[in-house]
C-alpha atoms as a PDB file:
ATOM      1  CA  UNK A   1     256.888 322.333  65.105  1.00  0.00           C
ATOM      2  CA  UNK A   2     255.830 321.065  61.693  1.00  0.00           C
ATOM      3  CA  UNK A   3     253.330 323.076  59.632  1.00  0.00           C
ATOM      4  CA  UNK A   4     251.016 321.236  57.258  1.00  0.00           C
ATOM      5  CA  UNK A   5     249.560 322.636  54.037  1.00  0.00           C
ATOM      6  CA  UNK A   6     246.594 321.090  52.229  1.00  0.00           C
ATOM      7  CA  UNK A   7     244.599 322.118  49.183  1.00  0.00           C
ATOM      8  CA  UNK A   8     241.079 320.713  48.902  1.00  0.00           C
ATOM      9  CA  UNK A   9     239.777 320.476  45.333  1.00  0.00           C
ATOM     10  CA  UNK A  10     236.001 320.912  45.100  1.00  0.00           C
ATOM     11  CA  UNK A  11     234.580 320.215  41.638  1.00  0.00           C
ATOM     12  CA  UNK A  12     231.054 319.073  42.555  1.00  0.00           C
ATOM     13  CA  UNK A  13     228.527 320.915  44.686  1.00  0.00           C
ATOM     14  CA  UNK A  14     227.297 317.577  46.018  1.00  0.00           C
ATOM     15  CA  UNK A  15     230.692 317.048  47.656  1.00  0.00           C
ATOM     16  CA  UNK A  16     230.753 320.406  49.464  1.00  0.00           C
ATOM     17  CA  UNK A  17     229.527 318.984  52.761  1.00  0.00           C
ATOM     18  CA  UNK A  18     232.203 316.284  52.640  1.00  0.00           C
ATOM     19  CA  UNK A  19     234.912 318.805  51.728  1.00  0.00           C
ATOM     20  CA  UNK A  20     233.979 321.136  54.580  1.00  0.00           C
ATOM     21  CA  UNK A  21     233.908 318.201  56.999  1.00  0.00           C
ATOM     22  CA  UNK A  22     237.352 317.108  55.763  1.00  0.00           C
ATOM     23  CA  UNK A  23     238.774 320.579  56.375  1.00  0.00           C
ATOM     24  CA  UNK A  24     237.198 320.799  59.833  1.00  0.00           C
ATOM     25  CA  UNK A  25     238.503 317.343  60.759  1.00  0.00           C
ATOM     26  CA  UNK A  26     242.012 318.168  59.563  1.00  0.00           C
ATOM     27  CA  UNK A  27     242.078 321.326  61.687  1.00  0.00           C
ATOM     28  CA  UNK A  28     240.813 319.363  64.688  1.00  0.00           C
ATOM     29  CA  UNK A  29     243.374 316.589  64.340  1.00  0.00           C
ATOM     30  CA  UNK A  30     246.511 318.569  63.529  1.00  0.00           C
ATOM     31  CA  UNK A  31     245.593 321.886  65.153  1.00  0.00           C
ATOM     32  CA  UNK A  32     244.508 324.948  63.243  1.00  0.00           C
ATOM     33  CA  UNK A  33     247.725 326.718  64.230  1.00  0.00           C
ATOM     34  CA  UNK A  34     249.648 323.938  62.434  1.00  0.00           C
ATOM     35  CA  UNK A  35     247.557 323.773  59.250  1.00  0.00           C
ATOM     36  CA  UNK A  36     247.317 326.053  56.259  1.00  0.00           C
ATOM     37  CA  UNK A  37     244.281 324.980  54.237  1.00  0.00           C
ATOM     38  CA  UNK A  38     242.709 326.194  51.032  1.00  0.00           C
ATOM     39  CA  UNK A  39     239.535 325.088  49.265  1.00  0.00           C
ATOM     40  CA  UNK A  40     239.706 325.525  45.500  1.00  0.00           C
ATOM     41  CA  UNK A  41     236.299 325.426  43.831  1.00  0.00           C
ATOM     42  CA  UNK A  42     235.953 325.038  40.100  1.00  0.00           C
ATOM     43  CA  UNK A  43     233.493 323.549  37.647  1.00  0.00           C
ATOM     44  CA  UNK A  44     230.173 322.832  39.419  1.00  0.00           C
ATOM     45  CA  UNK A  45     231.918 323.146  42.790  1.00  0.00           C
ATOM     46  CA  UNK A  46     231.825 326.948  42.598  1.00  0.00           C
ATOM     47  CA  UNK A  47     228.085 326.817  43.315  1.00  0.00           C
ATOM     48  CA  UNK A  48     228.879 325.719  46.884  1.00  0.00           C
ATOM     49  CA  UNK A  49     230.222 329.223  47.533  1.00  0.00           C
ATOM     50  CA  UNK A  50     227.184 331.135  46.305  1.00  0.00           C
ATOM     51  CA  UNK A  51     225.669 333.595  48.778  1.00  0.00           C
ATOM     52  CA  UNK A  52     222.320 331.854  48.332  1.00  0.00           C
ATOM     53  CA  UNK A  53     223.780 328.415  49.077  1.00  0.00           C
ATOM     54  CA  UNK A  54     223.425 326.438  52.302  1.00  0.00           C
ATOM     55  CA  UNK A  55     227.111 326.481  53.279  1.00  0.00           C
ATOM     56  CA  UNK A  56     227.681 330.147  54.154  1.00  0.00           C
ATOM     57  CA  UNK A  57     227.840 329.740  57.937  1.00  0.00           C
ATOM     58  CA  UNK A  58     230.219 326.784  57.744  1.00  0.00           C
ATOM     59  CA  UNK A  59     232.443 328.554  55.223  1.00  0.00           C
ATOM     60  CA  UNK A  60     232.493 331.674  57.427  1.00  0.00           C
ATOM     61  CA  UNK A  61     233.463 329.572  60.465  1.00  0.00           C
ATOM     62  CA  UNK A  62     236.320 327.880  58.621  1.00  0.00           C
ATOM     63  CA  UNK A  63     237.503 331.154  57.099  1.00  0.00           C
ATOM     64  CA  UNK A  64     237.620 332.640  60.601  1.00  0.00           C
ATOM     65  CA  UNK A  65     239.956 329.757  61.473  1.00  0.00           C
ATOM     66  CA  UNK A  66     242.287 330.697  58.629  1.00  0.00           C
ATOM     67  CA  UNK A  67     240.986 328.586  55.738  1.00  0.00           C
ATOM     68  CA  UNK A  68     241.171 330.306  52.355  1.00  0.00           C
ATOM     69  CA  UNK A  69     238.408 329.791  49.775  1.00  0.00           C
ATOM     70  CA  UNK A  70     239.012 330.469  46.091  1.00  0.00           C
ATOM     71  CA  UNK A  71     236.824 330.155  43.016  1.00  0.00           C
ATOM     72  CA  UNK A  72     237.730 329.735  39.369  1.00  0.00           C
ATOM     73  CA  UNK A  73     236.940 332.733  37.166  1.00  0.00           C
ATOM     74  CA  UNK A  74     236.614 330.509  34.077  1.00  0.00           C
ATOM     75  CA  UNK A  75     233.950 328.396  35.810  1.00  0.00           C
ATOM     76  CA  UNK A  76     232.058 331.513  36.893  1.00  0.00           C
ATOM     77  CA  UNK A  77     231.980 332.764  33.299  1.00  0.00           C
ATOM     78  CA  UNK A  78     231.106 329.358  31.833  1.00  0.00           C
ATOM     79  CA  UNK A  79     228.077 329.135  34.155  1.00  0.00           C
ATOM     80  CA  UNK A  80     227.075 332.724  33.373  1.00  0.00           C
ATOM     81  CA  UNK A  81     227.356 333.732  37.021  1.00  0.00           C
ATOM     82  CA  UNK A  82     228.603 337.021  38.440  1.00  0.00           C
ATOM     83  CA  UNK A  83     231.376 337.390  41.025  1.00  0.00           C
ATOM     84  CA  UNK A  84     228.946 339.373  43.194  1.00  0.00           C
ATOM     85  CA  UNK A  85     226.799 336.259  43.652  1.00  0.00           C
ATOM     86  CA  UNK A  86     229.514 334.568  45.702  1.00  0.00           C
ATOM     87  CA  UNK A  87     230.380 334.822  49.379  1.00  0.00           C
ATOM     88  CA  UNK A  88     232.436 337.945  49.978  1.00  0.00           C
ATOM     89  CA  UNK A  89     235.322 336.018  51.484  1.00  0.00           C
ATOM     90  CA  UNK A  90     235.762 333.866  48.363  1.00  0.00           C
ATOM     91  CA  UNK A  91     238.673 335.032  46.262  1.00  0.00           C
ATOM     92  CA  UNK A  92     238.568 334.720  42.489  1.00  0.00           C
ATOM     93  CA  UNK A  93     241.589 333.156  40.780  1.00  0.00           C
ATOM     94  CA  UNK A  94     242.222 332.908  37.030  1.00  0.00           C
ATOM     95  CA  UNK A  95     241.724 329.119  36.991  1.00  0.00           C
ATOM     96  CA  UNK A  96     241.029 326.544  39.653  1.00  0.00           C
ATOM     97  CA  UNK A  97     243.295 324.019  37.995  1.00  0.00           C
ATOM     98  CA  UNK A  98     246.142 326.517  37.886  1.00  0.00           C
ATOM     99  CA  UNK A  99     245.682 327.244  41.594  1.00  0.00           C
ATOM    100  CA  UNK A 100     245.806 323.532  42.454  1.00  0.00           C
ATOM    101  CA  UNK A 101     248.926 322.979  40.321  1.00  0.00           C
ATOM    102  CA  UNK A 102     250.702 325.948  41.937  1.00  0.00           C
ATOM    103  CA  UNK A 103     249.900 324.655  45.418  1.00  0.00           C
ATOM    104  CA  UNK A 104     251.117 321.155  44.580  1.00  0.00           C
ATOM    105  CA  UNK A 105     254.311 322.548  43.054  1.00  0.00           C
ATOM    106  CA  UNK A 106     254.877 324.359  46.368  1.00  0.00           C
ATOM    107  CA  UNK A 107     254.530 321.074  48.279  1.00  0.00           C
ATOM    108  CA  UNK A 108     250.903 321.267  49.399  1.00  0.00           C
ATOM    109  CA  UNK A 109     249.054 317.989  49.974  1.00  0.00           C
ATOM    110  CA  UNK A 110     246.214 317.473  47.478  1.00  0.00           C
ATOM    111  CA  UNK A 111     242.846 316.311  48.825  1.00  0.00           C
ATOM    112  CA  UNK A 112     239.882 315.551  46.593  1.00  0.00           C
ATOM    113  CA  UNK A 113     236.825 314.805  48.735  1.00  0.00           C
END
């Protein structure tokens, strides 16, 4: 059976709801056992993964279904935020752009909500 891989690029906090809906819909349509999904947050999009943000429960639910969430360390520093302010399940990567490029080079579908 075919396995699908998709990287969702979140650069704006205002698009977080749409991005999370897109991920949920993809899992529903293709089957979570057939999809490997990752949300890459950089620029203003990192704010969607703050512990104090409104998306924690939805992010937790998707993570429990196998979705990986990563945040850009450069964006964190540029916004003068601390890694401890983010959801514990969010992984920090050197750059969000680098993460997206690596995924695309490995054949992942790129989705920008």
